[in-house]
Amino acid sequence: MDRTGTFQDRAADACARALSPADAVRLERSVEDALRIIAAACAERNEPPVKAARRQLAEIYGATRLSRRRERSGAGA
């Protein structure tokens, strides 16, 4: 059994042999679409309003956890 190359390389080679040219084009387009969607989500996530809202929610969440921890430690003491 040939152990050269990574598993991903061997899998990609097997897929390339198994796909018709039309299937390969569809797969490439599908990957391009997925990457485009990921890039758009990352860009949206880093926009100032979203980033500020996420920061505010994180602060509220942290304050809530701290409050609950204080309540538990006060009740247990």
N, C-alpha and C. Protein backbone atom coordinates (compact mmCIF):
# COMPACT_ATOMS: atom_id res chain seq x y z
N MET A 1 0.85 -1.18 0.00
CA MET A 1 0.00 0.00 0.00
C MET A 1 0.89 1.24 0.00
N ASP A 2 0.56 2.18 -0.85
CA ASP A 2 1.36 3.40 -0.98
C ASP A 2 1.00 4.36 0.15
N ARG A 3 2.00 4.77 0.94
CA ARG A 3 1.77 5.67 2.07
C ARG A 3 2.33 7.06 1.81
N THR A 4 2.68 7.38 0.57
CA THR A 4 3.23 8.71 0.29
C THR A 4 2.10 9.72 0.19
N GLY A 5 2.38 10.95 0.58
CA GLY A 5 1.38 12.01 0.53
C GLY A 5 0.44 11.94 1.70
N THR A 6 -0.29 13.00 1.92
CA THR A 6 -1.24 13.04 3.02
C THR A 6 -2.54 12.38 2.60
N PHE A 7 -3.36 12.11 3.58
CA PHE A 7 -4.67 11.54 3.31
C PHE A 7 -5.47 12.46 2.39
N GLN A 8 -5.39 13.77 2.67
CA GLN A 8 -6.14 14.73 1.86
C GLN A 8 -5.68 14.69 0.40
N ASP A 9 -4.35 14.56 0.19
CA ASP A 9 -3.83 14.49 -1.18
C ASP A 9 -4.36 13.25 -1.88
N ARG A 10 -4.32 12.12 -1.19
CA ARG A 10 -4.80 10.88 -1.79
C ARG A 10 -6.30 10.96 -2.07
N ALA A 11 -7.06 11.56 -1.13
CA ALA A 11 -8.50 11.70 -1.32
C ALA A 11 -8.81 12.63 -2.49
N ALA A 12 -8.05 13.72 -2.60
CA ALA A 12 -8.26 14.66 -3.71
C ALA A 12 -7.95 13.97 -5.04
N ASP A 13 -6.89 13.18 -5.08
CA ASP A 13 -6.56 12.45 -6.31
C ASP A 13 -7.67 11.47 -6.68
N ALA A 14 -8.20 10.77 -5.69
CA ALA A 14 -9.27 9.81 -5.94
C ALA A 14 -10.52 10.52 -6.45
N CYS A 15 -10.82 11.66 -5.86
CA CYS A 15 -12.00 12.43 -6.31
C CYS A 15 -11.80 12.95 -7.73
N ALA A 16 -10.60 13.41 -8.02
CA ALA A 16 -10.32 13.94 -9.35
C ALA A 16 -10.49 12.84 -10.40
N ARG A 17 -10.09 11.64 -10.06
CA ARG A 17 -10.25 10.54 -11.02
C ARG A 17 -11.71 10.14 -11.16
N ALA A 18 -12.50 10.27 -10.10
CA ALA A 18 -13.88 9.82 -10.10
C ALA A 18 -14.84 10.84 -10.70
N LEU A 19 -14.47 12.11 -10.72
CA LEU A 19 -15.37 13.15 -11.20
C LEU A 19 -15.28 13.34 -12.70
N SER A 20 -16.42 13.58 -13.30
CA SER A 20 -16.43 13.97 -14.70
C SER A 20 -16.03 15.44 -14.76
N PRO A 21 -15.63 15.94 -15.91
CA PRO A 21 -15.29 17.37 -16.00
C PRO A 21 -16.43 18.28 -15.56
N ALA A 22 -17.65 17.93 -15.90
CA ALA A 22 -18.80 18.75 -15.50
C ALA A 22 -18.97 18.73 -13.98
N ASP A 23 -18.77 17.55 -13.37
CA ASP A 23 -18.87 17.45 -11.92
C ASP A 23 -17.77 18.25 -11.24
N ALA A 24 -16.58 18.23 -11.81
CA ALA A 24 -15.46 18.98 -11.24
C ALA A 24 -15.75 20.48 -11.26
N VAL A 25 -16.36 20.96 -12.34
CA VAL A 25 -16.71 22.38 -12.44
C VAL A 25 -17.77 22.72 -11.40
N ARG A 26 -18.78 21.86 -11.24
CA ARG A 26 -19.82 22.10 -10.24
C ARG A 26 -19.23 22.12 -8.83
N LEU A 27 -18.29 21.21 -8.57
CA LEU A 27 -17.65 21.17 -7.26
C LEU A 27 -16.85 22.45 -7.01
N GLU A 28 -16.11 22.90 -8.01
CA GLU A 28 -15.35 24.14 -7.86
C GLU A 28 -16.27 25.33 -7.58
N ARG A 29 -17.38 25.39 -8.31
CA ARG A 29 -18.33 26.49 -8.09
C ARG A 29 -18.92 26.42 -6.69
N SER A 30 -19.22 25.20 -6.24
CA SER A 30 -19.78 25.02 -4.91
C SER A 30 -18.79 25.49 -3.84
N VAL A 31 -17.54 25.14 -4.00
CA VAL A 31 -16.51 25.56 -3.05
C VAL A 31 -16.35 27.07 -3.09
N GLU A 32 -16.34 27.65 -4.29
CA GLU A 32 -16.23 29.11 -4.42
C GLU A 32 -17.40 29.80 -3.73
N ASP A 33 -18.61 29.25 -3.91
CA ASP A 33 -19.79 29.84 -3.26
C ASP A 33 -19.67 29.76 -1.74
N ALA A 34 -19.22 28.62 -1.24
CA ALA A 34 -19.07 28.45 0.21
C ALA A 34 -18.04 29.44 0.76
N LEU A 35 -16.93 29.60 0.06
CA LEU A 35 -15.91 30.54 0.50
C LEU A 35 -16.41 31.99 0.45
N ARG A 36 -17.21 32.30 -0.54
CA ARG A 36 -17.78 33.65 -0.66
C ARG A 36 -18.73 33.91 0.52
N ILE A 37 -19.55 32.93 0.87
CA ILE A 37 -20.48 33.08 1.99
C ILE A 37 -19.72 33.24 3.31
N ILE A 38 -18.66 32.48 3.49
CA ILE A 38 -17.84 32.58 4.69
C ILE A 38 -17.20 33.96 4.78
N ALA A 39 -16.68 34.45 3.68
CA ALA A 39 -16.06 35.78 3.67
C ALA A 39 -17.08 36.86 4.00
N ALA A 40 -18.28 36.74 3.46
CA ALA A 40 -19.33 37.73 3.74
C ALA A 40 -19.72 37.68 5.22
N ALA A 41 -19.82 36.50 5.78
CA ALA A 41 -20.17 36.38 7.20
C ALA A 41 -19.07 36.99 8.07
N CYS A 42 -17.82 36.76 7.72
CA CYS A 42 -16.71 37.34 8.49
C CYS A 42 -16.72 38.86 8.40
N ALA A 43 -16.97 39.38 7.20
CA ALA A 43 -17.02 40.83 7.02
C ALA A 43 -18.17 41.44 7.82
N GLU A 44 -19.32 40.78 7.80
CA GLU A 44 -20.48 41.27 8.54
C GLU A 44 -20.22 41.23 10.04
N ARG A 45 -19.57 40.18 10.48
CA ARG A 45 -19.29 40.02 11.91
C ARG A 45 -18.35 41.11 12.42
N ASN A 46 -17.48 41.60 11.57
CA ASN A 46 -16.51 42.61 11.98
C ASN A 46 -16.96 44.04 11.73
N GLU A 47 -18.18 44.22 11.21
CA GLU A 47 -18.69 45.57 11.00
C GLU A 47 -18.92 46.22 12.37
N PRO A 48 -18.69 47.53 12.48
CA PRO A 48 -18.78 48.19 13.79
C PRO A 48 -20.07 47.95 14.57
N PRO A 49 -21.27 48.06 13.97
CA PRO A 49 -22.47 47.85 14.79
C PRO A 49 -22.54 46.43 15.36
N VAL A 50 -22.20 45.46 14.55
CA VAL A 50 -22.26 44.07 15.00
C VAL A 50 -21.20 43.82 16.06
N LYS A 51 -20.02 44.33 15.82
CA LYS A 51 -18.93 44.15 16.77
C LYS A 51 -19.28 44.80 18.11
N ALA A 52 -19.85 45.99 18.06
CA ALA A 52 -20.23 46.69 19.28
C ALA A 52 -21.33 45.92 20.02
N ALA A 53 -22.29 45.40 19.28
CA ALA A 53 -23.37 44.64 19.91
C ALA A 53 -22.84 43.37 20.55
N ARG A 54 -21.93 42.70 19.87
CA ARG A 54 -21.33 41.49 20.43
C ARG A 54 -20.55 41.82 21.70
N ARG A 55 -19.82 42.92 21.69
CA ARG A 55 -19.06 43.33 22.87
C ARG A 55 -20.01 43.63 24.03
N GLN A 56 -21.10 44.33 23.75
CA GLN A 56 -22.07 44.66 24.79
C GLN A 56 -22.70 43.40 25.37
N LEU A 57 -23.07 42.46 24.52
CA LEU A 57 -23.64 41.20 25.00
C LEU A 57 -22.63 40.43 25.84
N ALA A 58 -21.37 40.46 25.44
CA ALA A 58 -20.33 39.78 26.22
C ALA A 58 -20.18 40.41 27.59
N GLU A 59 -20.26 41.73 27.67
CA GLU A 59 -20.17 42.41 28.96
C GLU A 59 -21.36 42.04 29.85
N ILE A 60 -22.55 42.01 29.28
CA ILE A 60 -23.75 41.65 30.06
C ILE A 60 -23.63 40.22 30.54
N TYR A 61 -23.20 39.34 29.66
CA TYR A 61 -23.04 37.93 30.02
C TYR A 61 -22.02 37.78 31.14
N GLY A 62 -20.91 38.48 31.03
CA GLY A 62 -19.88 38.42 32.07
C GLY A 62 -20.38 38.94 33.40
N ALA A 63 -21.12 40.05 33.37
CA ALA A 63 -21.67 40.61 34.61
C ALA A 63 -22.68 39.66 35.23
N THR A 64 -23.48 39.02 34.42
CA THR A 64 -24.47 38.08 34.92
C THR A 64 -23.78 36.88 35.58
N ARG A 65 -22.76 36.36 34.93
CA ARG A 65 -22.02 35.23 35.51
C ARG A 65 -21.38 35.62 36.83
N LEU A 66 -20.79 36.82 36.89
CA LEU A 66 -20.15 37.28 38.12
C LEU A 66 -21.18 37.41 39.23
N SER A 67 -22.34 37.97 38.92
CA SER A 67 -23.41 38.13 39.90
C SER A 67 -23.86 36.77 40.43
N ARG A 68 -24.06 35.82 39.56
CA ARG A 68 -24.48 34.49 39.99
C ARG A 68 -23.41 33.82 40.84
N ARG A 69 -22.16 34.00 40.47
CA ARG A 69 -21.06 33.41 41.24
C ARG A 69 -21.03 34.01 42.64
N ARG A 70 -21.25 35.32 42.73
CA ARG A 70 -21.27 35.98 44.05
C ARG A 70 -22.44 35.47 44.89
N GLU A 71 -23.61 35.29 44.26
CA GLU A 71 -24.77 34.77 44.97
C GLU A 71 -24.51 33.37 45.52
N ARG A 72 -23.89 32.52 44.71
CA ARG A 72 -23.59 31.15 45.14
C ARG A 72 -22.57 31.14 46.28
N SER A 73 -21.54 31.97 46.15
CA SER A 73 -20.51 31.99 47.19
C SER A 73 -21.04 32.60 48.48
N GLY A 74 -21.96 33.54 48.40
CA GLY A 74 -22.57 34.15 49.59
C GLY A 74 -23.54 33.19 50.25
N ALA A 75 -24.25 32.41 49.45
CA ALA A 75 -25.22 31.47 50.01
C ALA A 75 -24.50 30.26 50.63
N GLY A 76 -23.35 29.91 50.08
CA GLY A 76 -22.61 28.74 50.57
C GLY A 76 -21.73 29.05 51.75
N ALA A 77 -21.51 30.32 52.05
CA ALA A 77 -20.59 30.68 53.15
C ALA A 77 -21.23 30.71 54.49
